[in-house]
Amino acid sequence: MWPRFPLKKQFKKALKSKDHPVFTGDDQMIIKQIDIRTREKNRNNVTRTQAYWDFYTKHPEIHWSLLAHLVSRNAGWTMTDLKGEHLPHLLNDKERVDFFQFLERGNWLIFQDAYPQLLLYEKGKVQKRSLTHLLPAFGVSTFMTPVWQYYDQSGDSSFLTKALIMNEQQYIESRVIQNQTYKKTVTDTALFKLQDLLNLNHILIPYTTPSLKQRKLFGHTVHHFSSVDERIKFGKELYDLLYSVKSRLTQVEDWATHHPHTGSRKDYWPQLFNDIRERIPNESRKPREKPCGINENEKKFFSPPLSYSWGDQQHQSSEKGDWFNHLNQVHNLTSHIEKQSGDILASYCDTIEKLEFAVFAKNTLREKEDASDQRKV
């Protein structure tokens, strides 16, 4: 259903707009301040993730900021997995660097597009006026101007969140997903496509039960990552899941408050992961058939913090261009989604088990090859 605000009319107007806005001295000061703050917070995955959370705590009506915080946590965990327990055995050095740069570029791009929008909203609240006319100064798609104008009038947090999900996925579509460099090194590779078979594309959302203070997880798994429509649908389903149970949402917020993001999976499962290596690399060992059932006497899986895994990256400026060029593109705002159960623990533990067996198989093959080479000598 479309809201009563004449959005379709405004979208048509945005498509035809060829205006080059002129900014006042006050406008230029705001633009400069926001640009500086965005660059400062866009240093790495940890600073971005914290910035989303800090914004949400001040402006909880902007649901997208909490969703972005949680998804960004997952991006950080995947980045550190590349230096963690399993993936260094399955990917060579170049593959891991390529995959990290792919994840980092997407994380960086979304932040540098979305965070100025959030800061403009924050500044507008202080000044009690709309600052949507400044969106073009940050290269934000013309699609978002009617959206923010509608939000200023309606306060419709759900609609704004869905629009931001759509905008950010469209924003990275040509810049990352369909970028020829990343297609060649990441998205078109067999290893990337293997992720669907291994169910590696989990988004995990931790929360803490108030009575027992136990760690729990729910979440969703994205398939067909290369499809922008599927990613938008996934984002909307994840948002629906996050806000579907009010008591659980409060528990998610409580967990996030007490567990600052480091990039290590120890953040949400210290009984299973440690940011200090306990198992000897390349040690011959049988895989754990039930890895999530680890007892206190077993060594934990290595999951380093981001600061230990990767240094800050220098990014080239975002490619110019506006993805919004046809009215048909707005169909994802109102497209159908499927209700999700959120039950992800069994699937996630199955993924860890598959990784354990994959590492065991590769190490076994390597040992046989080494033994064969020695016999030849």
Protein backbone atom coordinates (compact mmCIF):
# COMPACT_ATOMS: atom_id res chain seq x y z
CA MET A 1 0.00 0.00 0.00
CA TRP A 2 1.21 3.48 -0.89
CA PRO A 3 0.94 6.21 1.78
CA ARG A 4 -1.42 9.09 1.15
CA PHE A 5 1.43 11.53 0.70
CA PRO A 6 1.76 11.90 -3.10
CA LEU A 7 5.02 9.95 -3.27
CA LYS A 8 4.59 8.68 -6.81
CA LYS A 9 4.14 12.25 -7.98
CA GLN A 10 7.21 13.32 -6.02
CA PHE A 11 9.26 10.43 -7.41
CA LYS A 12 8.30 11.44 -10.94
CA LYS A 13 9.35 14.99 -10.13
CA ALA A 14 12.67 13.76 -8.73
CA LEU A 15 13.34 11.79 -11.92
CA LYS A 16 12.86 14.90 -14.03
CA SER A 17 14.79 17.22 -11.75
CA LYS A 18 17.89 18.73 -13.31
CA ASP A 19 18.36 21.37 -10.64
CA HIS A 20 21.81 22.28 -9.39
CA PRO A 21 21.10 23.55 -5.87
CA VAL A 22 22.80 26.65 -4.56
CA PHE A 23 23.71 26.45 -0.87
CA THR A 24 23.83 29.37 1.54
CA GLY A 25 26.74 30.06 3.85
CA ASP A 26 24.93 28.32 6.70
CA ASP A 27 24.20 25.36 4.44
CA GLN A 28 27.84 25.07 3.47
CA MET A 29 28.87 25.09 7.13
CA ILE A 30 26.47 22.21 7.89
CA ILE A 31 27.74 20.29 4.85
CA LYS A 32 31.34 20.71 5.96
CA GLN A 33 30.60 19.62 9.53
CA ILE A 34 28.76 16.51 8.37
CA ASP A 35 31.44 15.64 5.85
CA ILE A 36 34.15 15.84 8.54
CA ARG A 37 32.15 13.75 11.00
CA THR A 38 31.35 11.11 8.36
CA ARG A 39 35.00 10.74 7.38
CA GLU A 40 35.97 10.46 11.03
CA LYS A 41 33.49 7.66 11.73
CA ASN A 42 34.12 5.83 8.44
CA ARG A 43 37.62 4.63 9.40
CA ASN A 44 36.79 0.95 9.72
CA ASN A 45 34.01 -1.50 10.45
CA VAL A 46 34.23 -1.01 14.22
CA THR A 47 33.90 2.78 14.08
CA ARG A 48 31.02 2.57 11.58
CA THR A 49 29.16 -0.02 13.63
CA GLN A 50 29.54 2.06 16.79
CA ALA A 51 28.39 5.22 14.98
CA TYR A 52 25.16 3.52 13.89
CA TRP A 53 24.54 2.42 17.48
CA ASP A 54 25.31 5.82 18.98
CA PHE A 55 22.90 7.44 16.55
CA TYR A 56 20.17 4.92 17.31
CA THR A 57 20.44 5.47 21.06
CA LYS A 58 19.75 9.17 20.47
CA HIS A 59 17.10 8.68 17.77
CA PRO A 60 15.39 5.28 18.24
CA GLU A 61 12.63 6.33 15.84
CA ILE A 62 15.15 5.76 13.01
CA HIS A 63 14.85 1.99 12.97
CA TRP A 64 17.25 1.62 10.06
CA SER A 65 20.16 2.71 12.24
CA LEU A 66 19.68 -0.27 14.59
CA LEU A 67 19.29 -2.63 11.63
CA ALA A 68 22.45 -1.19 10.06
CA HIS A 69 24.31 -1.57 13.36
CA LEU A 70 23.44 -5.26 13.60
CA VAL A 71 24.17 -6.03 9.95
CA SER A 72 27.46 -4.14 10.22
CA ARG A 73 28.40 -6.28 13.23
CA ASN A 74 27.92 -9.33 11.02
CA ALA A 75 30.09 -7.80 8.29
CA GLY A 76 32.83 -7.32 10.88
CA TRP A 77 32.55 -10.93 12.05
CA THR A 78 32.90 -12.13 8.47
CA MET A 79 35.95 -9.89 7.98
CA THR A 80 37.68 -11.41 11.00
CA ASP A 81 36.64 -14.96 9.98
CA LEU A 82 39.13 -14.49 7.14
CA LYS A 83 41.88 -14.48 9.79
CA GLY A 84 40.11 -16.84 12.18
CA GLU A 85 39.88 -20.57 12.84
CA HIS A 86 38.69 -22.04 9.54
CA LEU A 87 38.88 -19.82 6.45
CA PRO A 88 42.71 -19.44 6.41
CA HIS A 89 42.81 -23.19 5.74
CA LEU A 90 40.32 -22.96 2.87
CA LEU A 91 41.31 -19.72 1.12
CA ASN A 92 44.75 -18.58 0.02
CA ASP A 93 46.16 -15.19 1.01
CA LYS A 94 45.00 -13.40 -2.15
CA GLU A 95 41.47 -14.80 -1.91
CA ARG A 96 41.18 -13.63 1.68
CA VAL A 97 42.45 -10.14 0.87
CA ASP A 98 40.09 -9.90 -2.13
CA PHE A 99 37.13 -10.99 -0.02
CA PHE A 100 38.00 -8.55 2.75
CA GLN A 101 38.30 -5.66 0.30
CA PHE A 102 34.91 -6.60 -1.16
CA LEU A 103 33.29 -6.57 2.28
CA GLU A 104 35.12 -3.44 3.38
CA ARG A 105 34.23 -1.48 0.25
CA GLY A 106 30.53 -2.26 0.61
CA ASN A 107 30.57 -1.43 4.32
CA TRP A 108 32.41 1.84 3.63
CA LEU A 109 30.16 2.88 0.73
CA ILE A 110 26.90 2.30 2.57
CA PHE A 111 28.13 4.32 5.54
CA GLN A 112 29.37 7.26 3.47
CA ASP A 113 25.99 7.41 1.71
CA ALA A 114 23.68 6.78 4.68
CA TYR A 115 25.42 8.46 7.61
CA PRO A 116 25.17 12.01 6.18
CA GLN A 117 21.44 11.40 5.77
CA LEU A 118 21.19 10.47 9.43
CA LEU A 119 23.21 13.50 10.50
CA LEU A 120 21.05 15.81 8.39
CA TYR A 121 18.00 14.43 10.14
CA GLU A 122 19.67 14.97 13.52
CA LYS A 123 20.62 18.55 12.63
CA GLY A 124 17.12 19.20 11.34
CA LYS A 125 15.64 18.05 14.66
CA VAL A 126 17.85 20.53 16.51
CA GLN A 127 16.99 23.37 14.16
CA LYS A 128 13.33 22.31 13.91
CA ARG A 129 13.34 22.40 10.12
CA SER A 130 13.79 20.02 7.21
CA LEU A 131 17.26 19.86 5.67
CA THR A 132 16.37 17.53 2.80
CA HIS A 133 17.49 20.20 0.32
CA LEU A 134 21.08 19.40 1.40
CA LEU A 135 20.93 15.73 0.39
CA PRO A 136 22.39 16.37 -3.10
CA ALA A 137 25.52 17.85 -1.50
CA PHE A 138 26.44 14.33 -0.35
CA GLY A 139 25.65 12.59 -3.63
CA VAL A 140 22.51 10.99 -2.18
CA SER A 141 20.12 9.57 -4.76
CA THR A 142 17.20 11.76 -5.79
CA PHE A 143 15.06 8.81 -4.69
CA MET A 144 15.66 9.71 -1.04
CA THR A 145 14.50 13.35 -1.16
CA PRO A 146 10.76 12.51 -1.42
CA VAL A 147 11.26 9.72 1.13
CA TRP A 148 12.74 12.03 3.75
CA GLN A 149 10.13 14.71 2.96
CA TYR A 150 7.41 12.13 3.55
CA TYR A 151 9.04 11.00 6.80
CA ASP A 152 9.22 14.62 8.02
CA GLN A 153 5.44 14.82 7.59
CA SER A 154 4.40 11.34 8.67
CA GLY A 155 7.01 9.96 11.07
CA ASP A 156 6.53 6.62 9.33
CA SER A 157 9.63 4.77 10.58
CA SER A 158 8.76 1.54 8.78
CA PHE A 159 8.48 3.17 5.37
CA LEU A 160 11.70 5.10 5.87
CA THR A 161 13.55 1.93 6.88
CA LYS A 162 12.38 0.03 3.79
CA ALA A 163 13.35 2.95 1.57
CA LEU A 164 16.83 3.14 3.11
CA ILE A 165 17.27 -0.64 2.71
CA MET A 166 16.36 -0.30 -0.94
CA ASN A 167 18.50 2.78 -1.50
CA GLU A 168 21.66 1.34 0.04
CA GLN A 169 21.42 -1.96 -1.82
CA GLN A 170 20.86 -0.14 -5.10
CA TYR A 171 23.73 2.19 -4.22
CA ILE A 172 26.27 -0.66 -3.95
CA GLU A 173 24.84 -2.66 -6.86
CA SER A 174 26.97 -1.10 -9.61
CA ARG A 175 29.74 0.09 -7.32
CA VAL A 176 30.48 -3.28 -5.69
CA ILE A 177 28.28 -6.23 -6.64
CA GLN A 178 28.44 -5.68 -10.42
CA ASN A 179 31.85 -4.01 -10.35
CA GLN A 180 34.05 -5.91 -12.80
CA THR A 181 36.99 -6.05 -10.41
CA TYR A 182 34.95 -7.65 -7.63
CA LYS A 183 33.07 -9.89 -10.07
CA LYS A 184 36.38 -11.28 -11.27
CA THR A 185 37.99 -11.70 -7.86
CA VAL A 186 34.96 -12.45 -5.63
CA THR A 187 31.33 -12.68 -6.77
CA ASP A 188 31.90 -14.78 -9.90
CA THR A 189 34.26 -17.21 -8.20
CA ALA A 190 33.34 -20.78 -7.31
CA LEU A 191 34.26 -20.14 -3.68
CA PHE A 192 31.77 -17.28 -3.42
CA LYS A 193 29.01 -19.35 -4.98
CA LEU A 194 29.86 -22.15 -2.56
CA GLN A 195 28.63 -19.91 0.26
CA ASP A 196 25.02 -20.76 -0.54
CA LEU A 197 25.78 -24.47 -0.29
CA LEU A 198 27.57 -24.02 3.02
CA ASN A 199 24.99 -21.53 4.36
CA LEU A 200 27.73 -19.00 5.14
CA ASN A 201 25.47 -15.98 4.60
CA HIS A 202 23.87 -15.89 8.03
CA ILE A 203 22.93 -12.63 9.71
CA LEU A 204 22.95 -13.34 13.42
CA ILE A 205 21.20 -11.13 15.97
CA PRO A 206 22.18 -11.83 19.58
CA TYR A 207 20.02 -10.97 22.56
CA THR A 208 20.00 -11.63 26.29
CA THR A 209 17.08 -13.05 28.24
CA PRO A 210 16.45 -10.82 31.26
CA SER A 211 15.79 -13.58 33.80
CA LEU A 212 18.71 -15.96 33.18
CA LYS A 213 20.98 -13.54 31.30
CA GLN A 214 21.58 -16.24 28.71
CA ARG A 215 22.93 -15.49 25.25
CA LYS A 216 20.51 -16.37 22.47
CA LEU A 217 20.48 -15.87 18.70
CA PHE A 218 17.93 -15.35 15.99
CA GLY A 219 18.41 -14.25 12.42
CA HIS A 220 18.05 -14.91 8.72
CA THR A 221 20.10 -16.29 5.83
CA VAL A 222 20.51 -14.49 2.52
CA HIS A 223 20.65 -16.55 -0.66
CA HIS A 224 21.34 -15.30 -4.18
CA PHE A 225 23.44 -12.45 -2.81
CA SER A 226 24.22 -11.17 -6.30
CA SER A 227 20.55 -10.29 -6.93
CA VAL A 228 19.67 -6.77 -5.81
CA ASP A 229 15.97 -7.65 -5.56
CA GLU A 230 16.80 -10.60 -3.30
CA ARG A 231 19.03 -8.47 -1.09
CA ILE A 232 16.30 -5.85 -0.71
CA LYS A 233 13.73 -8.53 0.07
CA PHE A 234 16.12 -10.06 2.59
CA GLY A 235 16.69 -6.68 4.26
CA LYS A 236 12.97 -6.05 4.61
CA GLU A 237 12.41 -9.54 6.02
CA LEU A 238 15.22 -9.06 8.52
CA TYR A 239 13.74 -5.71 9.58
CA ASP A 240 10.32 -7.29 10.00
CA LEU A 241 11.90 -10.05 12.09
CA LEU A 242 13.82 -7.59 14.26
CA TYR A 243 10.76 -5.48 15.12
CA SER A 244 8.19 -8.29 15.20
CA VAL A 245 8.56 -9.08 18.92
CA LYS A 246 8.79 -5.98 21.11
CA SER A 247 10.12 -7.78 24.19
CA ARG A 248 12.89 -9.43 22.17
CA LEU A 249 13.76 -6.11 20.53
CA THR A 250 14.35 -4.68 24.00
CA GLN A 251 16.62 -7.64 24.76
CA VAL A 252 18.58 -7.02 21.54
CA GLU A 253 19.10 -3.42 22.61
CA ASP A 254 20.18 -4.58 26.06
CA TRP A 255 22.73 -6.98 24.56
CA ALA A 256 24.12 -4.31 22.20
CA THR A 257 24.42 -1.85 25.09
CA HIS A 258 26.59 -4.21 27.13
CA HIS A 259 28.66 -5.72 24.29
CA PRO A 260 30.58 -3.15 22.23
CA HIS A 261 31.51 -4.40 18.79
CA THR A 262 35.09 -5.64 18.40
CA GLY A 263 34.73 -7.83 15.30
CA SER A 264 35.41 -11.01 17.27
CA ARG A 265 32.64 -13.60 17.52
CA LYS A 266 33.59 -13.80 21.18
CA ASP A 267 31.35 -10.74 21.52
CA TYR A 268 28.24 -12.94 21.37
CA TRP A 269 29.50 -16.45 22.15
CA PRO A 270 32.50 -16.46 24.52
CA GLN A 271 31.87 -20.12 25.38
CA LEU A 272 32.58 -21.09 21.75
CA PHE A 273 34.98 -18.42 20.48
CA ASN A 274 38.05 -16.73 21.89
CA ASP A 275 40.05 -13.77 20.61
CA ILE A 276 43.22 -15.59 21.68
CA ARG A 277 44.29 -18.63 19.67
CA GLU A 278 43.87 -21.86 21.67
CA ARG A 279 44.18 -24.48 18.93
CA ILE A 280 47.51 -25.03 17.14
CA PRO A 281 47.32 -24.00 13.43
CA ASN A 282 47.58 -26.94 10.98
CA GLU A 283 47.39 -29.38 13.89
CA SER A 284 46.03 -32.77 12.81
CA ARG A 285 42.73 -33.23 14.59
CA LYS A 286 39.35 -34.77 14.03
CA PRO A 287 36.57 -32.29 13.31
CA ARG A 288 34.01 -31.62 15.96
CA GLU A 289 30.76 -33.21 14.88
CA LYS A 290 28.71 -31.05 17.25
CA PRO A 291 30.79 -27.86 17.53
CA CYS A 292 28.13 -25.84 19.34
CA GLY A 293 28.07 -28.42 22.12
CA ILE A 294 31.59 -27.48 23.21
CA ASN A 295 32.37 -28.20 26.85
CA GLU A 296 34.58 -26.16 29.14
CA ASN A 297 37.54 -28.52 28.69
CA GLU A 298 37.70 -28.13 24.91
CA LYS A 299 39.66 -25.46 23.13
CA LYS A 300 37.61 -22.65 21.64
CA PHE A 301 37.59 -21.48 18.04
CA PHE A 302 39.85 -18.54 17.24
CA SER A 303 38.00 -15.34 16.33
CA PRO A 304 40.30 -12.29 16.45
CA PRO A 305 39.16 -8.69 16.89
CA LEU A 306 39.16 -6.50 13.79
CA SER A 307 42.06 -4.37 15.07
CA TYR A 308 44.22 -7.51 15.13
CA SER A 309 43.03 -8.76 11.74
CA TRP A 310 43.02 -5.82 9.32
CA GLY A 311 44.39 -2.29 9.24
CA ASP A 312 42.39 0.78 8.21
CA GLN A 313 41.99 1.03 4.44
CA GLN A 314 42.37 4.02 2.13
CA HIS A 315 39.35 4.19 -0.19
CA GLN A 316 38.96 5.88 -3.53
CA SER A 317 36.02 8.28 -3.72
CA SER A 318 32.70 6.73 -4.56
CA GLU A 319 31.84 6.43 -8.24
CA LYS A 320 29.47 9.18 -9.41
CA GLY A 321 25.97 8.47 -10.61
CA ASP A 322 22.40 8.04 -9.42
CA TRP A 323 20.87 4.56 -9.53
CA PHE A 324 17.33 6.01 -9.59
CA ASN A 325 16.45 6.46 -13.27
CA HIS A 326 13.02 4.86 -13.72
CA LEU A 327 9.76 4.89 -11.76
CA ASN A 328 9.49 1.09 -12.02
CA GLN A 329 12.43 0.82 -9.62
CA VAL A 330 10.26 1.83 -6.67
CA HIS A 331 8.31 -1.44 -6.79
CA ASN A 332 10.59 -2.92 -4.10
CA LEU A 333 9.14 -0.48 -1.57
CA THR A 334 5.83 -2.33 -1.53
CA SER A 335 6.85 -5.77 -2.80
CA HIS A 336 5.81 -8.87 -0.86
CA ILE A 337 7.99 -10.38 1.85
CA GLU A 338 7.79 -13.72 3.63
CA LYS A 339 7.51 -13.96 7.39
CA GLN A 340 10.60 -15.51 8.93
CA SER A 341 10.78 -17.67 12.04
CA GLY A 342 14.20 -16.39 13.03
CA ASP A 343 15.31 -19.91 14.02
CA ILE A 344 18.93 -19.93 12.93
CA LEU A 345 20.97 -21.65 15.63
CA ALA A 346 20.78 -25.17 14.18
CA SER A 347 21.69 -23.92 10.69
CA TYR A 348 24.55 -21.83 12.06
CA CYS A 349 25.96 -24.75 14.05
CA ASP A 350 25.65 -26.94 10.95
CA THR A 351 27.74 -24.36 9.06
CA ILE A 352 30.50 -24.52 11.67
CA GLU A 353 30.41 -28.33 11.46
CA LYS A 354 30.77 -28.19 7.67
CA LEU A 355 33.73 -25.84 8.03
CA GLU A 356 35.34 -28.20 10.53
CA PHE A 357 35.01 -31.12 8.11
CA ALA A 358 36.23 -29.02 5.17
CA VAL A 359 39.38 -28.05 7.08
CA PHE A 360 39.92 -31.65 8.17
CA ALA A 361 39.54 -32.91 4.59
CA LYS A 362 41.95 -30.31 3.22
CA ASN A 363 44.56 -30.97 5.92
CA THR A 364 44.26 -34.72 5.35
CA LEU A 365 44.79 -34.24 1.61
CA ARG A 366 47.78 -31.99 2.26
CA GLU A 367 49.35 -34.54 4.58
CA LYS A 368 48.92 -37.29 1.97
CA GLU A 369 50.49 -35.09 -0.70
CA ASP A 370 53.41 -34.28 1.62
CA ALA A 371 53.92 -37.97 2.39
CA SER A 372 53.83 -38.79 -1.34
CA ASP A 373 56.43 -36.10 -2.09
CA GLN A 374 58.72 -37.46 0.61
CA ARG A 375 58.50 -40.98 -0.82
CA LYS A 376 59.49 -39.63 -4.24
CA VAL A 377 62.56 -37.98 -2.71
